[in-house]
Amino acid sequence: MKCQHYPHCPPADAADHDAARVVSAHPEQGWNLLCNGVVVFDDTGELLPDRQVVAPHRPLCRRVA
């Protein structure tokens, strides 16, 4: 899938693929479709166009004393 805008978004297999633009937002269902075909879920999980699943990758919180 190729962007129709410039600069082009990173492809789905790039390390920064989640930096692509949202083309279809569904906040009521908890997901967004990016222009590179990646589906990003609110829990930070992802579904890539080749059907690979990226597990949620939330940052760990550290408690400051």
PDB file of N, CA and C in Angstrom:
ATOM      1  N   MET A   1       0.843  -1.158   0.000  1.00  0.00           N
ATOM      2  CA  MET A   1       0.000   0.000   0.000  1.00  0.00           C
ATOM      3  C   MET A   1       0.899   1.235   0.000  1.00  0.00           C
ATOM      4  N   LYS A   2       0.640   2.182  -0.859  1.00  0.00           N
ATOM      5  CA  LYS A   2       1.478   3.375  -0.998  1.00  0.00           C
ATOM      6  C   LYS A   2       0.670   4.617  -0.673  1.00  0.00           C
ATOM      7  N   CYS A   3       1.277   5.533   0.057  1.00  0.00           N
ATOM      8  CA  CYS A   3       0.629   6.794   0.413  1.00  0.00           C
ATOM      9  C   CYS A   3       0.350   7.626  -0.827  1.00  0.00           C
ATOM     10  N   GLN A   4      -0.695   8.405  -0.755  1.00  0.00           N
ATOM     11  CA  GLN A   4      -1.008   9.356  -1.813  1.00  0.00           C
ATOM     12  C   GLN A   4      -0.589  10.769  -1.408  1.00  0.00           C
ATOM     13  N   HIS A   5       0.046  10.925  -0.266  1.00  0.00           N
ATOM     14  CA  HIS A   5       0.470  12.233   0.200  1.00  0.00           C
ATOM     15  C   HIS A   5       1.993  12.276   0.292  1.00  0.00           C
ATOM     16  N   TYR A   6       2.513  13.497   0.490  1.00  0.00           N
ATOM     17  CA  TYR A   6       3.957  13.667   0.584  1.00  0.00           C
ATOM     18  C   TYR A   6       4.279  14.426   1.852  1.00  0.00           C
ATOM     19  N   PRO A   7       5.272  14.084   2.612  1.00  0.00           N
ATOM     20  CA  PRO A   7       6.161  12.939   2.386  1.00  0.00           C
ATOM     21  C   PRO A   7       5.429  11.626   2.648  1.00  0.00           C
ATOM     22  N   HIS A   8       5.896  10.587   2.000  1.00  0.00           N
ATOM     23  CA  HIS A   8       5.273   9.279   2.131  1.00  0.00           C
ATOM     24  C   HIS A   8       5.481   8.713   3.533  1.00  0.00           C
ATOM     25  N   CYS A   9       4.493   8.008   4.013  1.00  0.00           N
ATOM     26  CA  CYS A   9       4.578   7.373   5.328  1.00  0.00           C
ATOM     27  C   CYS A   9       5.466   6.137   5.252  1.00  0.00           C
ATOM     28  N   PRO A  10       6.004   5.714   6.395  1.00  0.00           N
ATOM     29  CA  PRO A  10       6.840   4.516   6.397  1.00  0.00           C
ATOM     30  C   PRO A  10       6.017   3.282   6.039  1.00  0.00           C
ATOM     31  N   PRO A  11       6.609   2.334   5.325  1.00  0.00           N
ATOM     32  CA  PRO A  11       5.887   1.108   4.981  1.00  0.00           C
ATOM     33  C   PRO A  11       5.619   0.252   6.222  1.00  0.00           C
ATOM     34  N   ALA A  12       4.737  -0.705   6.076  1.00  0.00           N
ATOM     35  CA  ALA A  12       4.320  -1.557   7.194  1.00  0.00           C
ATOM     36  C   ALA A  12       5.466  -2.373   7.776  1.00  0.00           C
ATOM     37  N   ASP A  13       6.507  -2.642   6.996  1.00  0.00           N
ATOM     38  CA  ASP A  13       7.616  -3.450   7.509  1.00  0.00           C
ATOM     39  C   ASP A  13       8.759  -2.598   8.078  1.00  0.00           C
ATOM     40  N   ALA A  14       8.585  -1.284   8.138  1.00  0.00           N
ATOM     41  CA  ALA A  14       9.603  -0.400   8.712  1.00  0.00           C
ATOM     42  C   ALA A  14       9.473  -0.371  10.234  1.00  0.00           C
ATOM     43  N   ALA A  15      10.566  -0.071  10.906  1.00  0.00           N
ATOM     44  CA  ALA A  15      10.549  -0.020  12.368  1.00  0.00           C
ATOM     45  C   ALA A  15       9.603   1.058  12.891  1.00  0.00           C
ATOM     46  N   ASP A  16       9.439   2.142  12.138  1.00  0.00           N
ATOM     47  CA  ASP A  16       8.573   3.246  12.572  1.00  0.00           C
ATOM     48  C   ASP A  16       7.222   3.246  11.851  1.00  0.00           C
ATOM     49  N   HIS A  17       6.723   2.056  11.513  1.00  0.00           N
ATOM     50  CA  HIS A  17       5.490   1.948  10.731  1.00  0.00           C
ATOM     51  C   HIS A  17       4.282   2.587  11.410  1.00  0.00           C
ATOM     52  N   ASP A  18       4.293   2.711  12.724  1.00  0.00           N
ATOM     53  CA  ASP A  18       3.152   3.299  13.420  1.00  0.00           C
ATOM     54  C   ASP A  18       3.133   4.825  13.328  1.00  0.00           C
ATOM     55  N   ALA A  19       4.104   5.421  12.619  1.00  0.00           N
ATOM     56  CA  ALA A  19       4.120   6.863  12.396  1.00  0.00           C
ATOM     57  C   ALA A  19       3.297   7.259  11.171  1.00  0.00           C
ATOM     58  N   ALA A  20       2.712   6.284  10.484  1.00  0.00           N
ATOM     59  CA  ALA A  20       1.898   6.570   9.301  1.00  0.00           C
ATOM     60  C   ALA A  20       0.608   7.306   9.688  1.00  0.00           C
ATOM     61  N   ARG A  21       0.010   7.977   8.725  1.00  0.00           N
ATOM     62  CA  ARG A  21      -1.219   8.728   8.955  1.00  0.00           C
ATOM     63  C   ARG A  21      -2.427   7.812   9.128  1.00  0.00           C
ATOM     64  N   VAL A  22      -3.355   8.246   9.960  1.00  0.00           N
ATOM     65  CA  VAL A  22      -4.617   7.531  10.150  1.00  0.00           C
ATOM     66  C   VAL A  22      -5.516   7.835   8.958  1.00  0.00           C
ATOM     67  N   VAL A  23      -6.030   6.794   8.305  1.00  0.00           N
ATOM     68  CA  VAL A  23      -6.955   6.994   7.189  1.00  0.00           C
ATOM     69  C   VAL A  23      -8.386   6.623   7.559  1.00  0.00           C
ATOM     70  N   SER A  24      -8.545   5.857   8.624  1.00  0.00           N
ATOM     71  CA  SER A  24      -9.882   5.483   9.088  1.00  0.00           C
ATOM     72  C   SER A  24      -9.835   5.299  10.601  1.00  0.00           C
ATOM     73  N   ALA A  25     -10.504   6.198  11.313  1.00  0.00           N
ATOM     74  CA  ALA A  25     -10.485   6.162  12.781  1.00  0.00           C
ATOM     75  C   ALA A  25     -11.780   5.558  13.305  1.00  0.00           C
ATOM     76  N   HIS A  26     -11.656   4.662  14.257  1.00  0.00           N
ATOM     77  CA  HIS A  26     -12.809   4.012  14.889  1.00  0.00           C
ATOM     78  C   HIS A  26     -12.606   3.993  16.401  1.00  0.00           C
ATOM     79  N   PRO A  27     -12.580   5.182  17.043  1.00  0.00           N
ATOM     80  CA  PRO A  27     -12.327   5.235  18.484  1.00  0.00           C
ATOM     81  C   PRO A  27     -13.391   4.515  19.302  1.00  0.00           C
ATOM     82  N   GLU A  28     -14.610   4.449  18.792  1.00  0.00           N
ATOM     83  CA  GLU A  28     -15.671   3.743  19.515  1.00  0.00           C
ATOM     84  C   GLU A  28     -15.425   2.240  19.565  1.00  0.00           C
ATOM     85  N   GLN A  29     -14.605   1.741  18.642  1.00  0.00           N
ATOM     86  CA  GLN A  29     -14.266   0.320  18.617  1.00  0.00           C
ATOM     87  C   GLN A  29     -12.834   0.069  19.082  1.00  0.00           C
ATOM     88  N   GLY A  30     -12.057   1.143  19.272  1.00  0.00           N
ATOM     89  CA  GLY A  30     -10.711   0.995  19.814  1.00  0.00           C
ATOM     90  C   GLY A  30      -9.619   0.698  18.809  1.00  0.00           C
ATOM     91  N   TRP A  31      -9.796   1.112  17.533  1.00  0.00           N
ATOM     92  CA  TRP A  31      -8.750   0.862  16.552  1.00  0.00           C
ATOM     93  C   TRP A  31      -8.730   1.929  15.473  1.00  0.00           C
ATOM     94  N   ASN A  32      -7.580   2.036  14.789  1.00  0.00           N
ATOM     95  CA  ASN A  32      -7.389   2.949  13.667  1.00  0.00           C
ATOM     96  C   ASN A  32      -6.663   2.217  12.550  1.00  0.00           C
ATOM     97  N   LEU A  33      -7.007   2.553  11.312  1.00  0.00           N
ATOM     98  CA  LEU A  33      -6.307   2.015  10.149  1.00  0.00           C
ATOM     99  C   LEU A  33      -5.352   3.080   9.649  1.00  0.00           C
ATOM    100  N   LEU A  34      -4.084   2.700   9.500  1.00  0.00           N
ATOM    101  CA  LEU A  34      -3.075   3.618   8.986  1.00  0.00           C
ATOM    102  C   LEU A  34      -2.950   3.471   7.478  1.00  0.00           C
ATOM    103  N   CYS A  35      -2.390   4.481   6.821  1.00  0.00           N
ATOM    104  CA  CYS A  35      -2.315   4.457   5.356  1.00  0.00           C
ATOM    105  C   CYS A  35      -1.383   3.374   4.828  1.00  0.00           C
ATOM    106  N   ASN A  36      -0.550   2.788   5.662  1.00  0.00           N
ATOM    107  CA  ASN A  36       0.317   1.695   5.221  1.00  0.00           C
ATOM    108  C   ASN A  36      -0.323   0.321   5.454  1.00  0.00           C
ATOM    109  N   GLY A  37      -1.597   0.310   5.860  1.00  0.00           N
ATOM    110  CA  GLY A  37      -2.318  -0.944   6.028  1.00  0.00           C
ATOM    111  C   GLY A  37      -2.258  -1.538   7.416  1.00  0.00           C
ATOM    112  N   VAL A  38      -1.560  -0.905   8.334  1.00  0.00           N
ATOM    113  CA  VAL A  38      -1.443  -1.394   9.710  1.00  0.00           C
ATOM    114  C   VAL A  38      -2.685  -0.978  10.495  1.00  0.00           C
ATOM    115  N   VAL A  39      -3.232  -1.895  11.273  1.00  0.00           N
ATOM    116  CA  VAL A  39      -4.322  -1.591  12.187  1.00  0.00           C
ATOM    117  C   VAL A  39      -3.712  -1.448  13.575  1.00  0.00           C
ATOM    118  N   VAL A  40      -3.933  -0.285  14.198  1.00  0.00           N
ATOM    119  CA  VAL A  40      -3.391   0.005  15.514  1.00  0.00           C
ATOM    120  C   VAL A  40      -4.540   0.024  16.513  1.00  0.00           C
ATOM    121  N   PHE A  41      -4.386  -0.738  17.601  1.00  0.00           N
ATOM    122  CA  PHE A  41      -5.424  -0.831  18.624  1.00  0.00           C
ATOM    123  C   PHE A  41      -5.094   0.070  19.800  1.00  0.00           C
ATOM    124  N   ASP A  42      -6.117   0.478  20.538  1.00  0.00           N
ATOM    125  CA  ASP A  42      -5.940   1.353  21.691  1.00  0.00           C
ATOM    126  C   ASP A  42      -5.014   0.766  22.753  1.00  0.00           C
ATOM    127  N   ASP A  43      -4.933  -0.543  22.838  1.00  0.00           N
ATOM    128  CA  ASP A  43      -4.065  -1.166  23.845  1.00  0.00           C
ATOM    129  C   ASP A  43      -2.611  -1.247  23.379  1.00  0.00           C
ATOM    130  N   THR A  44      -2.286  -0.602  22.252  1.00  0.00           N
ATOM    131  CA  THR A  44      -0.978  -0.531  21.592  1.00  0.00           C
ATOM    132  C   THR A  44      -0.617  -1.794  20.819  1.00  0.00           C
ATOM    133  N   GLY A  45      -1.520  -2.745  20.720  1.00  0.00           N
ATOM    134  CA  GLY A  45      -1.296  -3.900  19.854  1.00  0.00           C
ATOM    135  C   GLY A  45      -1.497  -3.482  18.403  1.00  0.00           C
ATOM    136  N   GLU A  46      -0.988  -4.284  17.484  1.00  0.00           N
ATOM    137  CA  GLU A  46      -1.087  -3.964  16.062  1.00  0.00           C
ATOM    138  C   GLU A  46      -1.333  -5.217  15.246  1.00  0.00           C
ATOM    139  N   LEU A  47      -1.979  -5.030  14.107  1.00  0.00           N
ATOM    140  CA  LEU A  47      -2.177  -6.086  13.130  1.00  0.00           C
ATOM    141  C   LEU A  47      -1.577  -5.577  11.827  1.00  0.00           C
ATOM    142  N   LEU A  48      -0.537  -6.267  11.336  1.00  0.00           N
ATOM    143  CA  LEU A  48       0.145  -5.851  10.123  1.00  0.00           C
ATOM    144  C   LEU A  48      -0.584  -6.390   8.898  1.00  0.00           C
ATOM    145  N   PRO A  49      -0.379  -5.788   7.730  1.00  0.00           N
ATOM    146  CA  PRO A  49      -1.076  -6.239   6.517  1.00  0.00           C
ATOM    147  C   PRO A  49      -0.817  -7.702   6.158  1.00  0.00           C
ATOM    148  N   ASP A  50       0.338  -8.247   6.558  1.00  0.00           N
ATOM    149  CA  ASP A  50       0.640  -9.649   6.253  1.00  0.00           C
ATOM    150  C   ASP A  50       0.096 -10.596   7.328  1.00  0.00           C
ATOM    151  N   ARG A  51      -0.795 -10.060   8.180  1.00  0.00           N
ATOM    152  CA  ARG A  51      -1.486 -10.788   9.247  1.00  0.00           C
ATOM    153  C   ARG A  51      -0.621 -11.101  10.465  1.00  0.00           C
ATOM    154  N   GLN A  52       0.566 -10.550  10.539  1.00  0.00           N
ATOM    155  CA  GLN A  52       1.373 -10.709  11.748  1.00  0.00           C
ATOM    156  C   GLN A  52       0.753  -9.861  12.851  1.00  0.00           C
ATOM    157  N   VAL A  53       0.835 -10.371  14.057  1.00  0.00           N
ATOM    158  CA  VAL A  53       0.298  -9.671  15.218  1.00  0.00           C
ATOM    159  C   VAL A  53       1.459  -9.111  16.030  1.00  0.00           C
ATOM    160  N   VAL A  54       1.352  -7.852  16.401  1.00  0.00           N
ATOM    161  CA  VAL A  54       2.321  -7.221  17.288  1.00  0.00           C
ATOM    162  C   VAL A  54       1.625  -7.071  18.630  1.00  0.00           C
ATOM    163  N   ALA A  55       2.171  -7.726  19.638  1.00  0.00           N
ATOM    164  CA  ALA A  55       1.565  -7.686  20.972  1.00  0.00           C
ATOM    165  C   ALA A  55       1.594  -6.265  21.530  1.00  0.00           C
ATOM    166  N   PRO A  56       0.667  -5.950  22.420  1.00  0.00           N
ATOM    167  CA  PRO A  56       0.691  -4.631  23.056  1.00  0.00           C
ATOM    168  C   PRO A  56       2.059  -4.356  23.668  1.00  0.00           C
ATOM    169  N   HIS A  57       2.515  -3.134  23.500  1.00  0.00           N
ATOM    170  CA  HIS A  57       3.854  -2.777  23.969  1.00  0.00           C
ATOM    171  C   HIS A  57       3.814  -1.454  24.730  1.00  0.00           C
ATOM    172  N   ARG A  58       3.076  -1.492  25.807  1.00  0.00           N
ATOM    173  CA  ARG A  58       2.966  -0.313  26.666  1.00  0.00           C
ATOM    174  C   ARG A  58       4.262  -0.097  27.414  1.00  0.00           C
ATOM    175  N   PRO A  59       4.661   1.163  27.583  1.00  0.00           N
ATOM    176  CA  PRO A  59       5.874   1.414  28.379  1.00  0.00           C
ATOM    177  C   PRO A  59       5.627   1.080  29.845  1.00  0.00           C
ATOM    178  N   LEU A  60       6.679   0.632  30.500  1.00  0.00           N
ATOM    179  CA  LEU A  60       6.571   0.331  31.920  1.00  0.00           C
ATOM    180  C   LEU A  60       6.613   1.619  32.719  1.00  0.00           C
ATOM    181  N   CYS A  61       5.767   1.721  33.708  1.00  0.00           N
ATOM    182  CA  CYS A  61       5.762   2.886  34.580  1.00  0.00           C
ATOM    183  C   CYS A  61       6.727   2.650  35.725  1.00  0.00           C
ATOM    184  N   ARG A  62       7.475   3.671  36.038  1.00  0.00           N
ATOM    185  CA  ARG A  62       8.382   3.567  37.181  1.00  0.00           C
ATOM    186  C   ARG A  62       7.892   4.508  38.258  1.00  0.00           C
ATOM    187  N   ARG A  63       7.931   4.053  39.460  1.00  0.00           N
ATOM    188  CA  ARG A  63       7.508   4.856  40.591  1.00  0.00           C
ATOM    189  C   ARG A  63       8.697   5.662  41.099  1.00  0.00           C
ATOM    190  N   VAL A  64       8.518   6.954  41.202  1.00  0.00           N
ATOM    191  CA  VAL A  64       9.556   7.837  41.706  1.00  0.00           C
ATOM    192  C   VAL A  64       9.334   8.076  43.170  1.00  0.00           C
ATOM    193  N   ALA A  65      10.358   7.856  43.979  1.00  0.00           N
ATOM    194  CA  ALA A  65      10.229   8.007  45.438  1.00  0.00           C
ATOM    195  C   ALA A  65      10.409   9.438  45.875  1.00  0.00           C
TER     196      ALA A  65
END
